[in-house]
N, C-alpha and C. Protein backbone atom coordinates (compact mmCIF):
# COMPACT_ATOMS: atom_id res chain seq x y z
N MET A 1 41.19 32.51 3.25
CA MET A 1 39.77 32.75 3.06
C MET A 1 39.29 33.74 3.99
N THR A 2 38.56 34.76 3.50
CA THR A 2 37.97 35.84 4.29
C THR A 2 36.74 35.37 5.09
N LEU A 3 36.42 36.13 5.97
CA LEU A 3 35.25 35.78 6.83
C LEU A 3 33.97 35.82 5.94
N ASP A 4 33.85 36.76 4.97
CA ASP A 4 32.74 36.86 4.14
C ASP A 4 32.71 35.54 3.21
N GLU A 5 33.75 35.21 2.60
CA GLU A 5 33.75 33.96 1.80
C GLU A 5 33.40 32.71 2.61
N ALA A 6 33.93 32.61 3.87
CA ALA A 6 33.61 31.52 4.67
C ALA A 6 32.05 31.52 5.02
N MET A 7 31.47 32.56 5.23
CA MET A 7 30.08 32.64 5.52
C MET A 7 29.23 32.27 4.27
N ARG A 8 29.66 32.74 3.06
CA ARG A 8 28.96 32.30 1.88
C ARG A 8 29.08 30.82 1.66
N TYR A 9 30.30 30.31 1.84
CA TYR A 9 30.54 28.83 1.72
C TYR A 9 29.64 28.06 2.64
N SER A 10 29.57 28.54 3.96
CA SER A 10 28.74 27.83 4.94
C SER A 10 27.23 27.87 4.55
N HIS A 11 26.79 29.01 4.04
CA HIS A 11 25.45 29.13 3.70
C HIS A 11 25.16 28.19 2.52
N ARG A 12 25.99 28.19 1.51
CA ARG A 12 25.75 27.31 0.27
C ARG A 12 25.69 25.86 0.76
N LEU A 13 26.62 25.38 1.64
CA LEU A 13 26.65 24.05 2.16
C LEU A 13 25.43 23.73 2.94
N PHE A 14 24.92 24.69 3.71
CA PHE A 14 23.72 24.53 4.55
C PHE A 14 22.48 24.26 3.49
N VAL A 15 22.40 25.08 2.43
CA VAL A 15 21.32 24.98 1.49
C VAL A 15 21.35 23.59 0.83
N VAL A 16 22.50 23.19 0.45
CA VAL A 16 22.72 21.83 -0.33
C VAL A 16 22.29 20.71 0.71
N LEU A 17 22.80 20.78 1.85
CA LEU A 17 22.48 19.63 2.84
C LEU A 17 21.04 19.63 3.22
N ALA A 18 20.43 20.87 3.40
CA ALA A 18 18.99 20.89 3.69
C ALA A 18 18.13 20.45 2.54
N GLY A 19 18.56 20.74 1.34
CA GLY A 19 17.89 20.25 0.14
C GLY A 19 17.93 18.76 0.01
N ALA A 20 19.11 18.16 0.30
CA ALA A 20 19.30 16.75 0.22
C ALA A 20 18.39 16.05 1.25
N ALA A 21 18.41 16.61 2.46
CA ALA A 21 17.58 16.00 3.58
C ALA A 21 16.15 16.04 3.20
N PHE A 22 15.68 17.15 2.54
CA PHE A 22 14.25 17.28 2.13
C PHE A 22 13.91 16.17 1.12
N LEU A 23 14.75 16.06 0.12
CA LEU A 23 14.51 15.06 -0.91
C LEU A 23 14.53 13.63 -0.37
N ILE A 24 15.43 13.30 0.57
CA ILE A 24 15.49 11.93 1.18
C ILE A 24 14.15 11.78 1.94
N GLY A 25 13.67 12.75 2.77
CA GLY A 25 12.52 12.64 3.49
C GLY A 25 11.29 12.49 2.67
N LEU A 26 11.27 13.28 1.58
CA LEU A 26 10.14 13.05 0.62
C LEU A 26 10.11 11.83 0.01
N GLY A 27 11.23 11.27 -0.40
CA GLY A 27 11.31 9.92 -0.99
C GLY A 27 10.87 8.83 0.00
N THR A 28 11.18 9.00 1.22
CA THR A 28 10.74 8.03 2.29
C THR A 28 9.20 8.13 2.43
N LEU A 29 8.69 9.30 2.53
CA LEU A 29 7.22 9.39 2.58
C LEU A 29 6.48 8.80 1.37
N VAL A 30 6.98 9.08 0.27
CA VAL A 30 6.40 8.44 -0.99
C VAL A 30 6.42 7.03 -0.94
N GLY A 31 7.55 6.45 -0.48
CA GLY A 31 7.73 4.99 -0.41
C GLY A 31 6.86 4.34 0.65
N LEU A 32 6.52 5.08 1.71
CA LEU A 32 5.59 4.55 2.73
C LEU A 32 4.20 4.63 2.27
N ALA A 33 3.78 5.53 1.50
CA ALA A 33 2.49 5.66 1.00
C ALA A 33 2.05 4.66 -0.15
N LEU A 34 3.10 4.17 -0.84
CA LEU A 34 2.81 3.28 -1.93
C LEU A 34 2.51 1.87 -1.46
N PRO A 35 1.52 1.22 -2.09
CA PRO A 35 1.31 -0.14 -1.72
C PRO A 35 2.49 -1.04 -2.17
N GLN A 36 2.69 -2.12 -1.29
CA GLN A 36 3.90 -2.93 -1.60
C GLN A 36 3.50 -4.17 -2.43
N TYR A 37 2.31 -4.56 -2.46
CA TYR A 37 1.90 -5.73 -3.30
C TYR A 37 0.65 -5.42 -3.99
N THR A 38 0.43 -6.00 -5.25
CA THR A 38 -0.83 -5.80 -5.90
C THR A 38 -1.47 -7.15 -6.10
N ILE A 39 -2.81 -7.15 -5.80
CA ILE A 39 -3.67 -8.31 -6.05
C ILE A 39 -4.72 -7.94 -7.06
N SER A 40 -4.84 -8.83 -8.08
CA SER A 40 -5.78 -8.56 -9.19
C SER A 40 -7.08 -9.30 -8.85
N GLN A 41 -8.19 -8.64 -9.17
CA GLN A 41 -9.58 -9.25 -9.15
C GLN A 41 -9.97 -9.46 -10.58
N LYS A 42 -9.94 -10.69 -11.07
CA LYS A 42 -10.30 -10.84 -12.48
C LYS A 42 -10.99 -12.27 -12.65
N GLY A 43 -11.99 -12.30 -13.38
CA GLY A 43 -12.56 -13.61 -13.67
C GLY A 43 -13.17 -14.23 -12.33
N ARG A 44 -13.66 -13.45 -11.53
CA ARG A 44 -14.22 -13.87 -10.19
C ARG A 44 -13.24 -14.64 -9.28
N GLU A 45 -11.95 -14.16 -9.44
CA GLU A 45 -10.87 -14.76 -8.64
C GLU A 45 -9.92 -13.65 -8.21
N PHE A 46 -9.26 -13.95 -7.11
CA PHE A 46 -8.13 -13.10 -6.75
C PHE A 46 -6.85 -13.69 -7.26
N HIS A 47 -5.97 -12.91 -7.85
CA HIS A 47 -4.64 -13.36 -8.42
C HIS A 47 -3.57 -12.59 -7.72
N PRO A 48 -2.65 -13.17 -7.03
CA PRO A 48 -2.61 -14.58 -6.66
C PRO A 48 -3.61 -14.83 -5.57
N GLY A 49 -3.95 -16.13 -5.33
CA GLY A 49 -5.01 -16.50 -4.32
C GLY A 49 -4.35 -16.53 -2.88
N GLU A 50 -3.08 -16.43 -2.71
CA GLU A 50 -2.47 -16.54 -1.42
C GLU A 50 -1.20 -15.67 -1.40
N ILE A 51 -0.95 -14.99 -0.37
CA ILE A 51 0.29 -14.15 -0.20
C ILE A 51 0.69 -14.05 1.18
N SER A 52 1.99 -13.83 1.38
CA SER A 52 2.62 -13.72 2.75
C SER A 52 3.23 -12.33 2.68
N ILE A 53 3.00 -11.51 3.77
CA ILE A 53 3.45 -10.19 3.96
C ILE A 53 3.84 -9.97 5.38
N LYS A 54 4.47 -8.84 5.72
CA LYS A 54 4.79 -8.47 7.08
C LYS A 54 3.78 -7.50 7.60
N ARG A 55 3.56 -7.56 8.99
CA ARG A 55 2.64 -6.63 9.64
C ARG A 55 3.02 -5.17 9.24
N GLY A 56 1.97 -4.47 8.91
CA GLY A 56 2.11 -3.09 8.51
C GLY A 56 2.17 -2.87 6.98
N GLU A 57 2.49 -3.94 6.27
CA GLU A 57 2.51 -3.76 4.80
C GLU A 57 1.13 -3.66 4.20
N THR A 58 1.08 -3.18 2.97
CA THR A 58 -0.11 -2.80 2.30
C THR A 58 -0.37 -3.66 1.05
N LEU A 59 -1.55 -4.11 0.88
CA LEU A 59 -1.92 -4.75 -0.40
C LEU A 59 -2.78 -3.80 -1.18
N GLN A 60 -2.53 -3.72 -2.45
CA GLN A 60 -3.47 -2.95 -3.34
C GLN A 60 -4.25 -3.86 -4.18
N VAL A 61 -5.49 -3.83 -3.95
CA VAL A 61 -6.49 -4.81 -4.59
C VAL A 61 -7.06 -4.05 -5.75
N VAL A 62 -6.83 -4.53 -7.01
CA VAL A 62 -7.32 -3.84 -8.21
C VAL A 62 -8.42 -4.67 -8.91
N ASN A 63 -9.51 -4.01 -9.25
CA ASN A 63 -10.56 -4.65 -9.90
C ASN A 63 -10.20 -4.55 -11.41
N ASP A 64 -9.70 -5.70 -11.96
CA ASP A 64 -9.29 -5.77 -13.36
C ASP A 64 -10.32 -6.34 -14.30
N ASP A 65 -11.55 -6.55 -13.78
CA ASP A 65 -12.69 -6.93 -14.58
C ASP A 65 -13.24 -5.77 -15.26
N ALA A 66 -13.60 -5.88 -16.49
CA ALA A 66 -14.16 -4.78 -17.34
C ALA A 66 -15.53 -4.44 -16.95
N ASP A 67 -16.30 -5.43 -16.48
CA ASP A 67 -17.75 -5.26 -16.29
C ASP A 67 -18.28 -5.82 -14.92
N LEU A 68 -17.50 -6.14 -14.04
CA LEU A 68 -17.92 -6.74 -12.82
C LEU A 68 -17.64 -5.89 -11.60
N LEU A 69 -18.52 -5.71 -10.69
CA LEU A 69 -18.30 -5.06 -9.41
C LEU A 69 -17.70 -6.16 -8.50
N HIS A 70 -16.83 -5.72 -7.56
CA HIS A 70 -16.30 -6.54 -6.53
C HIS A 70 -16.52 -5.81 -5.20
N HIS A 71 -16.33 -6.55 -4.09
CA HIS A 71 -16.47 -5.93 -2.77
C HIS A 71 -15.65 -6.73 -1.81
N ALA A 72 -14.39 -6.34 -1.55
CA ALA A 72 -13.51 -7.12 -0.70
C ALA A 72 -13.80 -6.78 0.78
N TYR A 73 -13.74 -7.81 1.59
CA TYR A 73 -13.90 -7.60 3.05
C TYR A 73 -13.14 -8.62 3.86
N ILE A 74 -12.83 -8.26 5.04
CA ILE A 74 -12.18 -9.17 6.06
C ILE A 74 -12.93 -9.02 7.31
N ASP A 75 -13.32 -10.19 7.86
CA ASP A 75 -14.04 -10.16 9.10
C ASP A 75 -13.33 -11.16 10.03
N SER A 76 -12.37 -10.52 10.93
CA SER A 76 -11.63 -11.32 11.82
C SER A 76 -11.56 -10.71 13.13
N PRO A 77 -11.42 -11.44 14.26
CA PRO A 77 -11.31 -10.87 15.50
C PRO A 77 -10.21 -9.83 15.74
N LYS A 78 -9.02 -10.13 14.87
CA LYS A 78 -7.88 -9.22 14.97
C LYS A 78 -7.99 -8.00 14.11
N PHE A 79 -8.77 -8.14 12.93
CA PHE A 79 -8.79 -7.09 11.97
C PHE A 79 -9.95 -7.19 11.13
N SER A 80 -10.74 -6.15 10.90
CA SER A 80 -11.85 -6.01 10.04
C SER A 80 -11.71 -4.98 8.92
N TYR A 81 -12.18 -5.24 7.78
CA TYR A 81 -11.95 -4.31 6.65
C TYR A 81 -13.14 -4.49 5.66
N ASP A 82 -13.70 -3.42 5.09
CA ASP A 82 -14.73 -3.44 4.09
C ASP A 82 -14.39 -2.40 3.07
N SER A 83 -14.18 -2.80 1.80
CA SER A 83 -13.88 -1.90 0.73
C SER A 83 -15.08 -1.15 0.19
N GLY A 84 -16.33 -1.68 0.37
CA GLY A 84 -17.42 -1.15 -0.29
C GLY A 84 -17.39 -1.65 -1.74
N ASP A 85 -18.39 -1.27 -2.49
CA ASP A 85 -18.40 -1.72 -3.93
C ASP A 85 -17.17 -1.15 -4.66
N GLN A 86 -16.45 -2.01 -5.39
CA GLN A 86 -15.36 -1.62 -6.19
C GLN A 86 -15.66 -1.67 -7.66
N GLN A 87 -15.71 -0.53 -8.24
CA GLN A 87 -16.11 -0.43 -9.73
C GLN A 87 -14.94 -0.99 -10.59
N PRO A 88 -15.20 -1.36 -11.83
CA PRO A 88 -14.20 -1.90 -12.64
C PRO A 88 -13.04 -0.82 -12.80
N GLY A 89 -11.77 -1.27 -12.64
CA GLY A 89 -10.64 -0.38 -12.73
C GLY A 89 -10.17 0.28 -11.48
N SER A 90 -11.05 0.16 -10.43
CA SER A 90 -10.76 0.81 -9.11
C SER A 90 -9.61 0.03 -8.44
N LYS A 91 -8.98 0.79 -7.50
CA LYS A 91 -7.84 0.24 -6.75
C LYS A 91 -8.25 0.57 -5.26
N THR A 92 -7.97 -0.44 -4.38
CA THR A 92 -8.29 -0.32 -2.95
C THR A 92 -7.02 -0.80 -2.20
N ASP A 93 -6.55 0.01 -1.28
CA ASP A 93 -5.43 -0.31 -0.47
C ASP A 93 -5.84 -0.89 0.90
N ILE A 94 -5.28 -1.95 1.32
CA ILE A 94 -5.53 -2.64 2.57
C ILE A 94 -4.20 -2.70 3.42
N ALA A 95 -4.16 -2.06 4.50
CA ALA A 95 -2.90 -2.13 5.37
C ALA A 95 -3.34 -3.07 6.41
N PHE A 96 -2.36 -4.06 6.76
CA PHE A 96 -2.60 -5.03 7.72
C PHE A 96 -1.80 -4.73 9.02
N PRO A 97 -2.59 -4.24 10.08
CA PRO A 97 -1.86 -3.82 11.25
C PRO A 97 -1.59 -4.90 12.27
N ALA A 98 -2.02 -6.10 12.01
CA ALA A 98 -1.88 -7.22 12.97
C ALA A 98 -1.30 -8.48 12.27
N ALA A 99 -0.60 -9.32 13.01
CA ALA A 99 -0.11 -10.48 12.44
C ALA A 99 -1.20 -11.63 12.54
N GLY A 100 -1.11 -12.55 11.63
CA GLY A 100 -2.13 -13.64 11.57
C GLY A 100 -2.41 -14.01 10.22
N ASP A 101 -3.38 -14.97 10.05
CA ASP A 101 -3.92 -15.32 8.81
C ASP A 101 -5.24 -14.79 8.60
N PHE A 102 -5.38 -14.09 7.43
CA PHE A 102 -6.68 -13.34 7.17
C PHE A 102 -7.20 -13.80 5.81
N GLU A 103 -8.50 -14.08 5.83
CA GLU A 103 -9.20 -14.42 4.58
C GLU A 103 -9.88 -13.21 3.97
N VAL A 104 -9.58 -12.87 2.81
CA VAL A 104 -10.19 -11.66 2.12
C VAL A 104 -11.20 -12.33 1.19
N LEU A 105 -12.49 -11.94 1.31
CA LEU A 105 -13.59 -12.49 0.57
C LEU A 105 -14.26 -11.38 -0.31
N CYS A 106 -15.06 -11.76 -1.27
CA CYS A 106 -15.77 -10.73 -2.12
C CYS A 106 -17.28 -10.92 -1.67
N ALA A 107 -17.92 -9.86 -1.23
CA ALA A 107 -19.31 -9.97 -0.87
C ALA A 107 -20.16 -10.21 -2.02
N ILE A 108 -19.76 -10.05 -3.26
CA ILE A 108 -20.59 -10.22 -4.40
C ILE A 108 -20.41 -11.61 -4.98
N HIS A 109 -19.22 -12.13 -4.94
CA HIS A 109 -18.83 -13.42 -5.54
C HIS A 109 -18.33 -14.35 -4.39
N PRO A 110 -19.10 -15.11 -3.79
CA PRO A 110 -18.80 -15.85 -2.62
C PRO A 110 -17.62 -16.93 -2.79
N LYS A 111 -17.31 -17.34 -4.01
CA LYS A 111 -16.24 -18.27 -4.21
C LYS A 111 -14.87 -17.55 -4.24
N MET A 112 -14.81 -16.30 -4.36
CA MET A 112 -13.55 -15.50 -4.36
C MET A 112 -12.84 -15.50 -3.01
N ARG A 113 -11.70 -15.90 -3.00
CA ARG A 113 -11.05 -16.05 -1.61
C ARG A 113 -9.59 -15.78 -1.84
N LEU A 114 -9.02 -14.89 -0.98
CA LEU A 114 -7.57 -14.53 -0.95
C LEU A 114 -7.11 -14.82 0.52
N MET A 115 -6.10 -15.63 0.63
CA MET A 115 -5.48 -15.79 1.97
C MET A 115 -4.27 -14.97 2.18
N VAL A 116 -4.25 -14.17 3.19
CA VAL A 116 -3.12 -13.26 3.49
C VAL A 116 -2.53 -13.73 4.83
N HIS A 117 -1.24 -14.17 4.74
CA HIS A 117 -0.45 -14.53 5.89
C HIS A 117 0.36 -13.33 6.36
N VAL A 118 0.11 -12.82 7.49
CA VAL A 118 0.84 -11.67 8.01
C VAL A 118 1.75 -12.05 9.03
N GLN A 119 3.03 -11.80 8.94
CA GLN A 119 4.03 -12.21 9.92
C GLN A 119 4.26 -11.05 10.95
């Protein structure tokens, strides 16, 4: 193999490895950005009504009601969250940065309750 051939081979190998590293990194970033669990708001209830996750994981809360507003919030000494009004069909992501038990409530429908156990 000549020096010129070896340099072209090295360049191609570098391009292939750099491309693979880029795709792996992009896949990791996409995976981190996606919510890991989905909670439905329908019929003035959270479905499911209780879930266990790990610290740092994300819930996506989806308003599956066709004609009802929802407004998810958490008021805890460890973590507070307020979604604002959620229009029908909207999706809200909640990342849980602390371990503990958190009650997610709806400011519009007081009987709506979701218990999130974060390890």
